[in-house]
Amino acid sequence: VKPFNAEVQKKIIGDATPITCRPADLIEPELPKFEKECAQWKQ
């Protein structure tokens, strides 16, 4: 709701560029991967 403390943010993430979009927009579909990894256990 409020901005981060800029000084603290810099101390924690350095010069990395923070994301501003909805975080899930950057996540590729994951179900196929989980299906594959779980195949031997799936009942």
PDB file of all heavy atoms in Angstrom:
ATOM      1  N   VAL A   1       0.832  -1.206   0.000  1.00  0.00           N
ATOM      2  CA  VAL A   1       0.000   0.000   0.000  1.00  0.00           C
ATOM      3  C   VAL A   1       0.870   1.260   0.000  1.00  0.00           C
ATOM      4  O   VAL A   1       0.575   2.234  -0.660  1.00  0.00           O
ATOM      5  CB  VAL A   1      -0.947  -0.010   1.226  1.00  0.00           C
ATOM      6  CG1 VAL A   1      -1.716   1.283   1.347  1.00  0.00           C
ATOM      7  CG2 VAL A   1      -1.924  -1.162   1.095  1.00  0.00           C
ATOM      8  N   LYS A   2       1.967   1.203   0.762  1.00  0.00           N
ATOM      9  CA  LYS A   2       2.895   2.338   0.788  1.00  0.00           C
ATOM     10  C   LYS A   2       4.201   1.927   0.125  1.00  0.00           C
ATOM     11  O   LYS A   2       4.522   0.732   0.053  1.00  0.00           O
ATOM     12  CB  LYS A   2       3.142   2.771   2.241  1.00  0.00           C
ATOM     13  CG  LYS A   2       1.923   3.386   2.895  1.00  0.00           C
ATOM     14  CD  LYS A   2       2.255   4.030   4.217  1.00  0.00           C
ATOM     15  CE  LYS A   2       2.474   5.520   4.055  1.00  0.00           C
ATOM     16  NZ  LYS A   2       2.583   6.200   5.368  1.00  0.00           N
ATOM     17  N   PRO A   3       5.008   2.892  -0.352  1.00  0.00           N
ATOM     18  CA  PRO A   3       6.280   2.506  -0.977  1.00  0.00           C
ATOM     19  C   PRO A   3       7.263   1.950   0.049  1.00  0.00           C
ATOM     20  O   PRO A   3       7.163   2.241   1.243  1.00  0.00           O
ATOM     21  CB  PRO A   3       6.795   3.824  -1.581  1.00  0.00           C
ATOM     22  CG  PRO A   3       5.942   4.912  -1.052  1.00  0.00           C
ATOM     23  CD  PRO A   3       4.750   4.324  -0.378  1.00  0.00           C
ATOM     24  N   PHE A   4       8.215   1.140  -0.442  1.00  0.00           N
ATOM     25  CA  PHE A   4       9.278   0.623   0.429  1.00  0.00           C
ATOM     26  C   PHE A   4      10.192   1.778   0.850  1.00  0.00           C
ATOM     27  O   PHE A   4      10.290   2.791   0.145  1.00  0.00           O
ATOM     28  CB  PHE A   4      10.135  -0.416  -0.308  1.00  0.00           C
ATOM     29  CG  PHE A   4       9.376  -1.624  -0.783  1.00  0.00           C
ATOM     30  CD1 PHE A   4       9.492  -2.076  -2.104  1.00  0.00           C
ATOM     31  CD2 PHE A   4       8.558  -2.342   0.079  1.00  0.00           C
ATOM     32  CE1 PHE A   4       8.797  -3.183  -2.547  1.00  0.00           C
ATOM     33  CE2 PHE A   4       7.855  -3.452  -0.355  1.00  0.00           C
ATOM     34  CZ  PHE A   4       7.975  -3.875  -1.667  1.00  0.00           C
ATOM     35  N   ASN A   5      10.908   1.580   1.950  1.00  0.00           N
ATOM     36  CA  ASN A   5      11.973   2.506   2.338  1.00  0.00           C
ATOM     37  C   ASN A   5      13.090   2.327   1.306  1.00  0.00           C
ATOM     38  O   ASN A   5      13.709   1.264   1.221  1.00  0.00           O
ATOM     39  CB  ASN A   5      12.455   2.144   3.748  1.00  0.00           C
ATOM     40  CG  ASN A   5      13.614   3.011   4.212  1.00  0.00           C
ATOM     41  OD1 ASN A   5      14.435   3.469   3.419  1.00  0.00           O
ATOM     42  ND2 ASN A   5      13.671   3.225   5.513  1.00  0.00           N
ATOM     43  N   ALA A   6      13.325   3.365   0.481  1.00  0.00           N
ATOM     44  CA  ALA A   6      14.255   3.254  -0.658  1.00  0.00           C
ATOM     45  C   ALA A   6      15.663   2.849  -0.219  1.00  0.00           C
ATOM     46  O   ALA A   6      16.337   2.056  -0.895  1.00  0.00           O
ATOM     47  CB  ALA A   6      14.289   4.581  -1.424  1.00  0.00           C
ATOM     48  N   GLU A   7      16.101   3.377   0.902  1.00  0.00           N
ATOM     49  CA  GLU A   7      17.454   3.079   1.417  1.00  0.00           C
ATOM     50  C   GLU A   7      17.570   1.598   1.773  1.00  0.00           C
ATOM     51  O   GLU A   7      18.544   0.923   1.416  1.00  0.00           O
ATOM     52  CB  GLU A   7      17.668   3.939   2.668  1.00  0.00           C
ATOM     53  CG  GLU A   7      19.114   4.299   2.958  1.00  0.00           C
ATOM     54  CD  GLU A   7      19.189   5.180   4.207  1.00  0.00           C
ATOM     55  OE1 GLU A   7      18.664   6.321   4.182  1.00  0.00           O
ATOM     56  OE2 GLU A   7      19.728   4.680   5.209  1.00  0.00           O
ATOM     57  N   VAL A   8      16.543   1.097   2.466  1.00  0.00           N
ATOM     58  CA  VAL A   8      16.536  -0.321   2.873  1.00  0.00           C
ATOM     59  C   VAL A   8      16.429  -1.216   1.638  1.00  0.00           C
ATOM     60  O   VAL A   8      17.115  -2.235   1.528  1.00  0.00           O
ATOM     61  CB  VAL A   8      15.369  -0.590   3.859  1.00  0.00           C
ATOM     62  CG1 VAL A   8      15.195  -2.089   4.109  1.00  0.00           C
ATOM     63  CG2 VAL A   8      15.615   0.132   5.177  1.00  0.00           C
ATOM     64  N   GLN A   9      15.577  -0.815   0.697  1.00  0.00           N
ATOM     65  CA  GLN A   9      15.413  -1.604  -0.531  1.00  0.00           C
ATOM     66  C   GLN A   9      16.748  -1.743  -1.263  1.00  0.00           C
ATOM     67  O   GLN A   9      17.124  -2.829  -1.712  1.00  0.00           O
ATOM     68  CB  GLN A   9      14.375  -0.951  -1.448  1.00  0.00           C
ATOM     69  CG  GLN A   9      14.014  -1.817  -2.650  1.00  0.00           C
ATOM     70  CD  GLN A   9      12.986  -1.154  -3.572  1.00  0.00           C
ATOM     71  OE1 GLN A   9      12.922   0.067  -3.655  1.00  0.00           O
ATOM     72  NE2 GLN A   9      12.186  -1.958  -4.247  1.00  0.00           N
ATOM     73  N   LYS A  10      17.504  -0.640  -1.343  1.00  0.00           N
ATOM     74  CA  LYS A  10      18.803  -0.669  -2.038  1.00  0.00           C
ATOM     75  C   LYS A  10      19.773  -1.581  -1.301  1.00  0.00           C
ATOM     76  O   LYS A  10      20.522  -2.354  -1.910  1.00  0.00           O
ATOM     77  CB  LYS A  10      19.377   0.746  -2.162  1.00  0.00           C
ATOM     78  CG  LYS A  10      20.667   0.779  -2.980  1.00  0.00           C
ATOM     79  CD  LYS A  10      20.883   2.114  -3.655  1.00  0.00           C
ATOM     80  CE  LYS A  10      22.183   2.152  -4.459  1.00  0.00           C
ATOM     81  NZ  LYS A  10      22.173   1.243  -5.611  1.00  0.00           N
ATOM     82  N   LYS A  11      19.742  -1.511   0.030  1.00  0.00           N
ATOM     83  CA  LYS A  11      20.634  -2.353   0.836  1.00  0.00           C
ATOM     84  C   LYS A  11      20.333  -3.837   0.611  1.00  0.00           C
ATOM     85  O   LYS A  11      21.219  -4.678   0.594  1.00  0.00           O
ATOM     86  CB  LYS A  11      20.473  -1.984   2.316  1.00  0.00           C
ATOM     87  CG  LYS A  11      21.542  -2.591   3.206  1.00  0.00           C
ATOM     88  CD  LYS A  11      21.517  -2.013   4.603  1.00  0.00           C
ATOM     89  CE  LYS A  11      22.645  -2.601   5.435  1.00  0.00           C
ATOM     90  NZ  LYS A  11      22.671  -2.078   6.803  1.00  0.00           N
ATOM     91  N   ILE A  12      19.043  -4.151   0.419  1.00  0.00           N
ATOM     92  CA  ILE A  12      18.626  -5.554   0.286  1.00  0.00           C
ATOM     93  C   ILE A  12      18.789  -6.089  -1.136  1.00  0.00           C
ATOM     94  O   ILE A  12      19.265  -7.206  -1.336  1.00  0.00           O
ATOM     95  CB  ILE A  12      17.165  -5.725   0.774  1.00  0.00           C
ATOM     96  CG1 ILE A  12      17.117  -5.579   2.312  1.00  0.00           C
ATOM     97  CG2 ILE A  12      16.592  -7.083   0.371  1.00  0.00           C
ATOM     98  CD1 ILE A  12      15.732  -5.686   2.921  1.00  0.00           C
ATOM     99  N   ILE A  13      18.398  -5.297  -2.152  1.00  0.00           N
ATOM    100  CA  ILE A  13      18.435  -5.852  -3.529  1.00  0.00           C
ATOM    101  C   ILE A  13      19.489  -5.193  -4.429  1.00  0.00           C
ATOM    102  O   ILE A  13      19.631  -5.552  -5.602  1.00  0.00           O
ATOM    103  CB  ILE A  13      17.048  -5.790  -4.229  1.00  0.00           C
ATOM    104  CG1 ILE A  13      16.608  -4.339  -4.484  1.00  0.00           C
ATOM    105  CG2 ILE A  13      16.004  -6.551  -3.439  1.00  0.00           C
ATOM    106  CD1 ILE A  13      15.373  -4.224  -5.380  1.00  0.00           C
ATOM    107  N   GLY A  14      20.241  -4.214  -3.876  1.00  0.00           N
ATOM    108  CA  GLY A  14      21.294  -3.568  -4.660  1.00  0.00           C
ATOM    109  C   GLY A  14      20.728  -2.833  -5.860  1.00  0.00           C
ATOM    110  O   GLY A  14      19.742  -2.101  -5.750  1.00  0.00           O
ATOM    111  N   ASP A  15      21.324  -3.077  -7.029  1.00  0.00           N
ATOM    112  CA  ASP A  15      20.910  -2.359  -8.239  1.00  0.00           C
ATOM    113  C   ASP A  15      19.890  -3.135  -9.079  1.00  0.00           C
ATOM    114  O   ASP A  15      19.593  -2.746 -10.211  1.00  0.00           O
ATOM    115  CB  ASP A  15      22.142  -2.037  -9.106  1.00  0.00           C
ATOM    116  CG  ASP A  15      23.071  -1.055  -8.392  1.00  0.00           C
ATOM    117  OD1 ASP A  15      22.541  -0.173  -7.686  1.00  0.00           O
ATOM    118  OD2 ASP A  15      24.306  -1.188  -8.504  1.00  0.00           O
ATOM    119  N   ALA A  16      19.388  -4.251  -8.542  1.00  0.00           N
ATOM    120  CA  ALA A  16      18.399  -5.044  -9.299  1.00  0.00           C
ATOM    121  C   ALA A  16      17.140  -4.204  -9.539  1.00  0.00           C
ATOM    122  O   ALA A  16      16.780  -3.368  -8.721  1.00  0.00           O
ATOM    123  CB  ALA A  16      18.045  -6.308  -8.521  1.00  0.00           C
ATOM    124  N   THR A  17      16.498  -4.432 -10.676  1.00  0.00           N
ATOM    125  CA  THR A  17      15.272  -3.678 -11.002  1.00  0.00           C
ATOM    126  C   THR A  17      14.051  -4.441 -10.498  1.00  0.00           C
ATOM    127  O   THR A  17      13.780  -5.560 -10.945  1.00  0.00           O
ATOM    128  CB  THR A  17      15.148  -3.475 -12.530  1.00  0.00           C
ATOM    129  OG1 THR A  17      16.369  -2.904 -13.004  1.00  0.00           O
ATOM    130  CG2 THR A  17      13.983  -2.565 -12.862  1.00  0.00           C
ATOM    131  N   PRO A  18      13.287  -3.857  -9.558  1.00  0.00           N
ATOM    132  CA  PRO A  18      12.102  -4.556  -9.043  1.00  0.00           C
ATOM    133  C   PRO A  18      11.027  -4.682 -10.118  1.00  0.00           C
ATOM    134  O   PRO A  18      10.962  -3.860 -11.034  1.00  0.00           O
ATOM    135  CB  PRO A  18      11.605  -3.651  -7.913  1.00  0.00           C
ATOM    136  CG  PRO A  18      12.631  -2.592  -7.728  1.00  0.00           C
ATOM    137  CD  PRO A  18      13.469  -2.527  -8.966  1.00  0.00           C
ATOM    138  N   ILE A  19      10.194  -5.701  -9.995  1.00  0.00           N
ATOM    139  CA  ILE A  19       9.098  -5.874 -10.955  1.00  0.00           C
ATOM    140  C   ILE A  19       7.902  -5.031 -10.499  1.00  0.00           C
ATOM    141  O   ILE A  19       7.706  -4.826  -9.302  1.00  0.00           O
ATOM    142  CB  ILE A  19       8.689  -7.357 -11.134  1.00  0.00           C
ATOM    143  CG1 ILE A  19       8.096  -7.928  -9.840  1.00  0.00           C
ATOM    144  CG2 ILE A  19       9.868  -8.197 -11.587  1.00  0.00           C
ATOM    145  CD1 ILE A  19       7.406  -9.256 -10.027  1.00  0.00           C
ATOM    146  N   THR A  20       7.132  -4.559 -11.457  1.00  0.00           N
ATOM    147  CA  THR A  20       5.969  -3.742 -11.097  1.00  0.00           C
ATOM    148  C   THR A  20       4.664  -4.355 -11.618  1.00  0.00           C
ATOM    149  O   THR A  20       3.587  -3.905 -11.272  1.00  0.00           O
ATOM    150  CB  THR A  20       6.111  -2.313 -11.679  1.00  0.00           C
ATOM    151  OG1 THR A  20       6.370  -2.433 -13.076  1.00  0.00           O
ATOM    152  CG2 THR A  20       7.241  -1.554 -11.000  1.00  0.00           C
ATOM    153  N   CYS A  21       4.790  -5.414 -12.445  1.00  0.00           N
ATOM    154  CA  CYS A  21       3.574  -6.051 -12.983  1.00  0.00           C
ATOM    155  C   CYS A  21       3.005  -7.023 -11.951  1.00  0.00           C
ATOM    156  O   CYS A  21       3.589  -7.225 -10.885  1.00  0.00           O
ATOM    157  CB  CYS A  21       3.914  -6.811 -14.270  1.00  0.00           C
ATOM    158  SG  CYS A  21       5.038  -8.206 -14.008  1.00  0.00           S
ATOM    159  N   ARG A  22       1.865  -7.621 -12.273  1.00  0.00           N
ATOM    160  CA  ARG A  22       1.317  -8.698 -11.428  1.00  0.00           C
ATOM    161  C   ARG A  22       2.349  -9.831 -11.460  1.00  0.00           C
ATOM    162  O   ARG A  22       2.714 -10.322 -12.538  1.00  0.00           O
ATOM    163  CB  ARG A  22      -0.022  -9.158 -12.028  1.00  0.00           C
ATOM    164  CG  ARG A  22      -0.734 -10.234 -11.220  1.00  0.00           C
ATOM    165  CD  ARG A  22      -1.995 -10.691 -11.939  1.00  0.00           C
ATOM    166  NE  ARG A  22      -1.713 -11.557 -13.057  1.00  0.00           N
ATOM    167  CZ  ARG A  22      -2.010 -12.863 -13.116  1.00  0.00           C
ATOM    168  NH1 ARG A  22      -2.628 -13.443 -12.106  1.00  0.00           N
ATOM    169  NH2 ARG A  22      -1.719 -13.575 -14.170  1.00  0.00           N
ATOM    170  N   PRO A  23       2.857 -10.277 -10.304  1.00  0.00           N
ATOM    171  CA  PRO A  23       3.950 -11.252 -10.298  1.00  0.00           C
ATOM    172  C   PRO A  23       3.680 -12.509 -11.141  1.00  0.00           C
ATOM    173  O   PRO A  23       4.583 -13.017 -11.814  1.00  0.00           O
ATOM    174  CB  PRO A  23       4.107 -11.607  -8.819  1.00  0.00           C
ATOM    175  CG  PRO A  23       3.610 -10.398  -8.101  1.00  0.00           C
ATOM    176  CD  PRO A  23       2.522  -9.823  -8.939  1.00  0.00           C
ATOM    177  N   ALA A  24       2.445 -12.991 -11.141  1.00  0.00           N
ATOM    178  CA  ALA A  24       2.136 -14.235 -11.870  1.00  0.00           C
ATOM    179  C   ALA A  24       2.246 -14.074 -13.383  1.00  0.00           C
ATOM    180  O   ALA A  24       2.340 -15.068 -14.109  1.00  0.00           O
ATOM    181  CB  ALA A  24       0.749 -14.742 -11.491  1.00  0.00           C
ATOM    182  N   ASP A  25       2.246 -12.830 -13.868  1.00  0.00           N
ATOM    183  CA  ASP A  25       2.415 -12.605 -15.314  1.00  0.00           C
ATOM    184  C   ASP A  25       3.773 -13.103 -15.799  1.00  0.00           C
ATOM    185  O   ASP A  25       3.964 -13.332 -16.991  1.00  0.00           O
ATOM    186  CB  ASP A  25       2.270 -11.110 -15.656  1.00  0.00           C
ATOM    187  CG  ASP A  25       0.827 -10.636 -15.550  1.00  0.00           C
ATOM    188  OD1 ASP A  25      -0.080 -11.494 -15.550  1.00  0.00           O
ATOM    189  OD2 ASP A  25       0.610  -9.415 -15.451  1.00  0.00           O
ATOM    190  N   LEU A  26       4.710 -13.228 -14.873  1.00  0.00           N
ATOM    191  CA  LEU A  26       6.071 -13.653 -15.242  1.00  0.00           C
ATOM    192  C   LEU A  26       6.270 -15.163 -15.076  1.00  0.00           C
ATOM    193  O   LEU A  26       7.356 -15.677 -15.313  1.00  0.00           O
ATOM    194  CB  LEU A  26       7.099 -12.902 -14.385  1.00  0.00           C
ATOM    195  CG  LEU A  26       7.034 -11.366 -14.455  1.00  0.00           C
ATOM    196  CD1 LEU A  26       7.995 -10.741 -13.461  1.00  0.00           C
ATOM    197  CD2 LEU A  26       7.323 -10.871 -15.862  1.00  0.00           C
ATOM    198  N   ILE A  27       5.209 -15.862 -14.644  1.00  0.00           N
ATOM    199  CA  ILE A  27       5.355 -17.314 -14.411  1.00  0.00           C
ATOM    200  C   ILE A  27       4.731 -18.090 -15.568  1.00  0.00           C
ATOM    201  O   ILE A  27       3.544 -17.947 -15.861  1.00  0.00           O
ATOM    202  CB  ILE A  27       4.690 -17.748 -13.074  1.00  0.00           C
ATOM    203  CG1 ILE A  27       5.198 -16.886 -11.901  1.00  0.00           C
ATOM    204  CG2 ILE A  27       4.983 -19.216 -12.782  1.00  0.00           C
ATOM    205  CD1 ILE A  27       4.464 -17.133 -10.583  1.00  0.00           C
ATOM    206  N   GLU A  28       5.543 -18.913 -16.200  1.00  0.00           N
ATOM    207  CA  GLU A  28       5.073 -19.771 -17.302  1.00  0.00           C
ATOM    208  C   GLU A  28       4.122 -20.830 -16.743  1.00  0.00           C
ATOM    209  O   GLU A  28       4.237 -21.194 -15.567  1.00  0.00           O
ATOM    210  CB  GLU A  28       6.268 -20.486 -17.961  1.00  0.00           C
ATOM    211  CG  GLU A  28       7.227 -19.561 -18.701  1.00  0.00           C
ATOM    212  CD  GLU A  28       6.621 -18.956 -19.950  1.00  0.00           C
ATOM    213  OE1 GLU A  28       5.869 -19.667 -20.655  1.00  0.00           O
ATOM    214  OE2 GLU A  28       6.872 -17.759 -20.205  1.00  0.00           O
ATOM    215  N   PRO A  29       3.223 -21.407 -17.578  1.00  0.00           N
ATOM    216  CA  PRO A  29       2.365 -22.503 -17.088  1.00  0.00           C
ATOM    217  C   PRO A  29       3.203 -23.605 -16.442  1.00  0.00           C
ATOM    218  O   PRO A  29       4.270 -23.964 -16.946  1.00  0.00           O
ATOM    219  CB  PRO A  29       1.680 -23.000 -18.363  1.00  0.00           C
ATOM    220  CG  PRO A  29       1.651 -21.801 -19.258  1.00  0.00           C
ATOM    221  CD  PRO A  29       2.925 -21.053 -18.975  1.00  0.00           C
ATOM    222  N   GLU A  30       2.720 -24.115 -15.298  1.00  0.00           N
ATOM    223  CA  GLU A  30       3.519 -25.083 -14.527  1.00  0.00           C
ATOM    224  C   GLU A  30       2.915 -26.483 -14.463  1.00  0.00           C
ATOM    225  O   GLU A  30       3.593 -27.432 -14.087  1.00  0.00           O
ATOM    226  CB  GLU A  30       3.680 -24.572 -13.083  1.00  0.00           C
ATOM    227  CG  GLU A  30       4.485 -23.299 -12.951  1.00  0.00           C
ATOM    228  CD  GLU A  30       4.495 -22.785 -11.510  1.00  0.00           C
ATOM    229  OE1 GLU A  30       3.416 -22.526 -10.959  1.00  0.00           O
ATOM    230  OE2 GLU A  30       5.598 -22.647 -10.957  1.00  0.00           O
ATOM    231  N   LEU A  31       1.621 -26.616 -14.792  1.00  0.00           N
ATOM    232  CA  LEU A  31       0.964 -27.922 -14.615  1.00  0.00           C
ATOM    233  C   LEU A  31       1.650 -29.070 -15.360  1.00  0.00           C
ATOM    234  O   LEU A  31       1.857 -30.143 -14.769  1.00  0.00           O
ATOM    235  CB  LEU A  31      -0.506 -27.850 -15.032  1.00  0.00           C
ATOM    236  CG  LEU A  31      -1.528 -27.611 -13.919  1.00  0.00           C
ATOM    237  CD1 LEU A  31      -2.928 -27.581 -14.493  1.00  0.00           C
ATOM    238  CD2 LEU A  31      -1.430 -28.665 -12.814  1.00  0.00           C
ATOM    239  N   PRO A  32       2.032 -28.888 -16.649  1.00  0.00           N
ATOM    240  CA  PRO A  32       2.669 -30.001 -17.362  1.00  0.00           C
ATOM    241  C   PRO A  32       3.922 -30.520 -16.648  1.00  0.00           C
ATOM    242  O   PRO A  32       4.138 -31.731 -16.553  1.00  0.00           O
ATOM    243  CB  PRO A  32       3.020 -29.392 -18.732  1.00  0.00           C
ATOM    244  CG  PRO A  32       2.047 -28.258 -18.897  1.00  0.00           C
ATOM    245  CD  PRO A  32       1.825 -27.723 -17.529  1.00  0.00           C
ATOM    246  N   LYS A  33       4.700 -29.592 -16.099  1.00  0.00           N
ATOM    247  CA  LYS A  33       5.927 -29.975 -15.385  1.00  0.00           C
ATOM    248  C   LYS A  33       5.578 -30.792 -14.135  1.00  0.00           C
ATOM    249  O   LYS A  33       6.168 -31.840 -13.866  1.00  0.00           O
ATOM    250  CB  LYS A  33       6.686 -28.696 -14.997  1.00  0.00           C
ATOM    251  CG  LYS A  33       7.953 -28.931 -14.182  1.00  0.00           C
ATOM    252  CD  LYS A  33       8.546 -27.625 -13.659  1.00  0.00           C
ATOM    253  CE  LYS A  33       7.784 -27.118 -12.439  1.00  0.00           C
ATOM    254  NZ  LYS A  33       8.492 -26.101 -11.662  1.00  0.00           N
ATOM    255  N   PHE A  34       4.573 -30.326 -13.364  1.00  0.00           N
ATOM    256  CA  PHE A  34       4.178 -31.044 -12.150  1.00  0.00           C
ATOM    257  C   PHE A  34       3.588 -32.418 -12.491  1.00  0.00           C
ATOM    258  O   PHE A  34       3.829 -33.397 -11.784  1.00  0.00           O
ATOM    259  CB  PHE A  34       3.176 -30.213 -11.337  1.00  0.00           C
ATOM    260  CG  PHE A  34       3.764 -28.966 -10.733  1.00  0.00           C
ATOM    261  CD1 PHE A  34       3.081 -27.753 -10.802  1.00  0.00           C
ATOM    262  CD2 PHE A  34       4.996 -28.988 -10.104  1.00  0.00           C
ATOM    263  CE1 PHE A  34       3.617 -26.598 -10.248  1.00  0.00           C
ATOM    264  CE2 PHE A  34       5.546 -27.833  -9.534  1.00  0.00           C
ATOM    265  CZ  PHE A  34       4.853 -26.632  -9.616  1.00  0.00           C
ATOM    266  N   GLU A  35       2.811 -32.483 -13.554  1.00  0.00           N
ATOM    267  CA  GLU A  35       2.227 -33.764 -14.012  1.00  0.00           C
ATOM    268  C   GLU A  35       3.342 -34.779 -14.276  1.00  0.00           C
ATOM    269  O   GLU A  35       3.259 -35.935 -13.854  1.00  0.00           O
ATOM    270  CB  GLU A  35       1.422 -33.554 -15.306  1.00  0.00           C
ATOM    271  CG  GLU A  35       0.083 -32.868 -15.124  1.00  0.00           C
ATOM    272  CD  GLU A  35      -1.049 -33.797 -14.700  1.00  0.00           C
ATOM    273  OE1 GLU A  35      -0.794 -34.983 -14.395  1.00  0.00           O
ATOM    274  OE2 GLU A  35      -2.203 -33.332 -14.654  1.00  0.00           O
ATOM    275  N   LYS A  36       4.364 -34.319 -14.957  1.00  0.00           N
ATOM    276  CA  LYS A  36       5.480 -35.188 -15.336  1.00  0.00           C
ATOM    277  C   LYS A  36       6.236 -35.674 -14.092  1.00  0.00           C
ATOM    278  O   LYS A  36       6.521 -36.862 -13.936  1.00  0.00           O
ATOM    279  CB  LYS A  36       6.427 -34.391 -16.246  1.00  0.00           C
ATOM    280  CG  LYS A  36       7.358 -35.254 -17.069  1.00  0.00           C
ATOM    281  CD  LYS A  36       8.141 -34.378 -18.038  1.00  0.00           C
ATOM    282  CE  LYS A  36       9.198 -35.210 -18.751  1.00  0.00           C
ATOM    283  NZ  LYS A  36      10.067 -34.357 -19.583  1.00  0.00           N
ATOM    284  N   GLU A  37       6.539 -34.740 -13.191  1.00  0.00           N
ATOM    285  CA  GLU A  37       7.322 -35.074 -11.990  1.00  0.00           C
ATOM    286  C   GLU A  37       6.552 -35.995 -11.047  1.00  0.00           C
ATOM    287  O   GLU A  37       7.143 -36.776 -10.316  1.00  0.00           O
ATOM    288  CB  GLU A  37       7.704 -33.782 -11.247  1.00  0.00           C
ATOM    289  CG  GLU A  37       8.760 -32.958 -11.965  1.00  0.00           C
ATOM    290  CD  GLU A  37       9.022 -31.617 -11.277  1.00  0.00           C
ATOM    291  OE1 GLU A  37       8.575 -31.428 -10.129  1.00  0.00           O
ATOM    292  OE2 GLU A  37       9.660 -30.747 -11.903  1.00  0.00           O
ATOM    293  N   CYS A  38       5.220 -35.889 -11.091  1.00  0.00           N
ATOM    294  CA  CYS A  38       4.385 -36.626 -10.132  1.00  0.00           C
ATOM    295  C   CYS A  38       3.866 -37.950 -10.708  1.00  0.00           C
ATOM    296  O   CYS A  38       3.262 -38.747  -9.987  1.00  0.00           O
ATOM    297  CB  CYS A  38       3.216 -35.707  -9.761  1.00  0.00           C
ATOM    298  SG  CYS A  38       2.060 -36.368  -8.595  1.00  0.00           S
ATOM    299  N   ALA A  39       4.129 -38.197 -11.991  1.00  0.00           N
ATOM    300  CA  ALA A  39       3.526 -39.339 -12.708  1.00  0.00           C
ATOM    301  C   ALA A  39       3.625 -40.664 -11.966  1.00  0.00           C
ATOM    302  O   ALA A  39       2.648 -41.413 -11.875  1.00  0.00           O
ATOM    303  CB  ALA A  39       4.138 -39.453 -14.099  1.00  0.00           C
ATOM    304  N   GLN A  40       4.782 -40.986 -11.400  1.00  0.00           N
ATOM    305  CA  GLN A  40       4.958 -42.302 -10.769  1.00  0.00           C
ATOM    306  C   GLN A  40       4.135 -42.486  -9.493  1.00  0.00           C
ATOM    307  O   GLN A  40       3.872 -43.607  -9.064  1.00  0.00           O
ATOM    308  CB  GLN A  40       6.437 -42.568 -10.479  1.00  0.00           C
ATOM    309  CG  GLN A  40       7.004 -41.724  -9.341  1.00  0.00           C
ATOM    310  CD  GLN A  40       8.455 -42.026  -9.091  1.00  0.00           C
ATOM    311  OE1 GLN A  40       9.344 -41.245  -9.447  1.00  0.00           O
ATOM    312  NE2 GLN A  40       8.722 -43.168  -8.471  1.00  0.00           N
ATOM    313  N   TRP A  41       3.723 -41.365  -8.881  1.00  0.00           N
ATOM    314  CA  TRP A  41       2.970 -41.455  -7.621  1.00  0.00           C
ATOM    315  C   TRP A  41       1.473 -41.278  -7.815  1.00  0.00           C
ATOM    316  O   TRP A  41       0.681 -41.560  -6.916  1.00  0.00           O
ATOM    317  CB  TRP A  41       3.443 -40.360  -6.648  1.00  0.00           C
ATOM    318  CG  TRP A  41       4.923 -40.304  -6.473  1.00  0.00           C
ATOM    319  CD1 TRP A  41       5.772 -39.360  -6.971  1.00  0.00           C
ATOM    320  CD2 TRP A  41       5.734 -41.233  -5.767  1.00  0.00           C
ATOM    321  NE1 TRP A  41       7.060 -39.648  -6.619  1.00  0.00           N
ATOM    322  CE2 TRP A  41       7.070 -40.788  -5.878  1.00  0.00           C
ATOM    323  CE3 TRP A  41       5.478 -42.411  -5.056  1.00  0.00           C
ATOM    324  CZ2 TRP A  41       8.136 -41.469  -5.305  1.00  0.00           C
ATOM    325  CZ3 TRP A  41       6.541 -43.090  -4.477  1.00  0.00           C
ATOM    326  CH2 TRP A  41       7.844 -42.624  -4.602  1.00  0.00           C
ATOM    327  N   LYS A  42       1.069 -40.800  -8.963  1.00  0.00           N
ATOM    328  CA  LYS A  42      -0.311 -40.337  -9.153  1.00  0.00           C
ATOM    329  C   LYS A  42      -1.343 -41.464  -9.098  1.00  0.00           C
ATOM    330  O   LYS A  42      -1.281 -42.406  -9.863  1.00  0.00           O
ATOM    331  CB  LYS A  42      -0.402 -39.606 -10.503  1.00  0.00           C
ATOM    332  CG  LYS A  42      -1.735 -38.944 -10.753  1.00  0.00           C
ATOM    333  CD  LYS A  42      -1.693 -38.137 -12.054  1.00  0.00           C
ATOM    334  CE  LYS A  42      -3.088 -37.787 -12.520  1.00  0.00           C
ATOM    335  NZ  LYS A  42      -3.108 -37.085 -13.785  1.00  0.00           N
ATOM    336  N   GLN A  43      -2.288 -41.332  -8.162  1.00  0.00           N
ATOM    337  CA  GLN A  43      -3.407 -42.278  -8.072  1.00  0.00           C
ATOM    338  C   GLN A  43      -4.735 -41.582  -8.372  1.00  0.00           C
ATOM    339  O   GLN A  43      -5.740 -42.225  -8.586  1.00  0.00           O
ATOM    340  CB  GLN A  43      -3.461 -42.883  -6.661  1.00  0.00           C
ATOM    341  CG  GLN A  43      -2.311 -43.833  -6.369  1.00  0.00           C
ATOM    342  CD  GLN A  43      -2.469 -44.497  -4.999  1.00  0.00           C
ATOM    343  OE1 GLN A  43      -3.529 -44.426  -4.365  1.00  0.00           O
ATOM    344  NE2 GLN A  43      -1.419 -45.156  -4.542  1.00  0.00           N
TER     345      GLN A  43
END
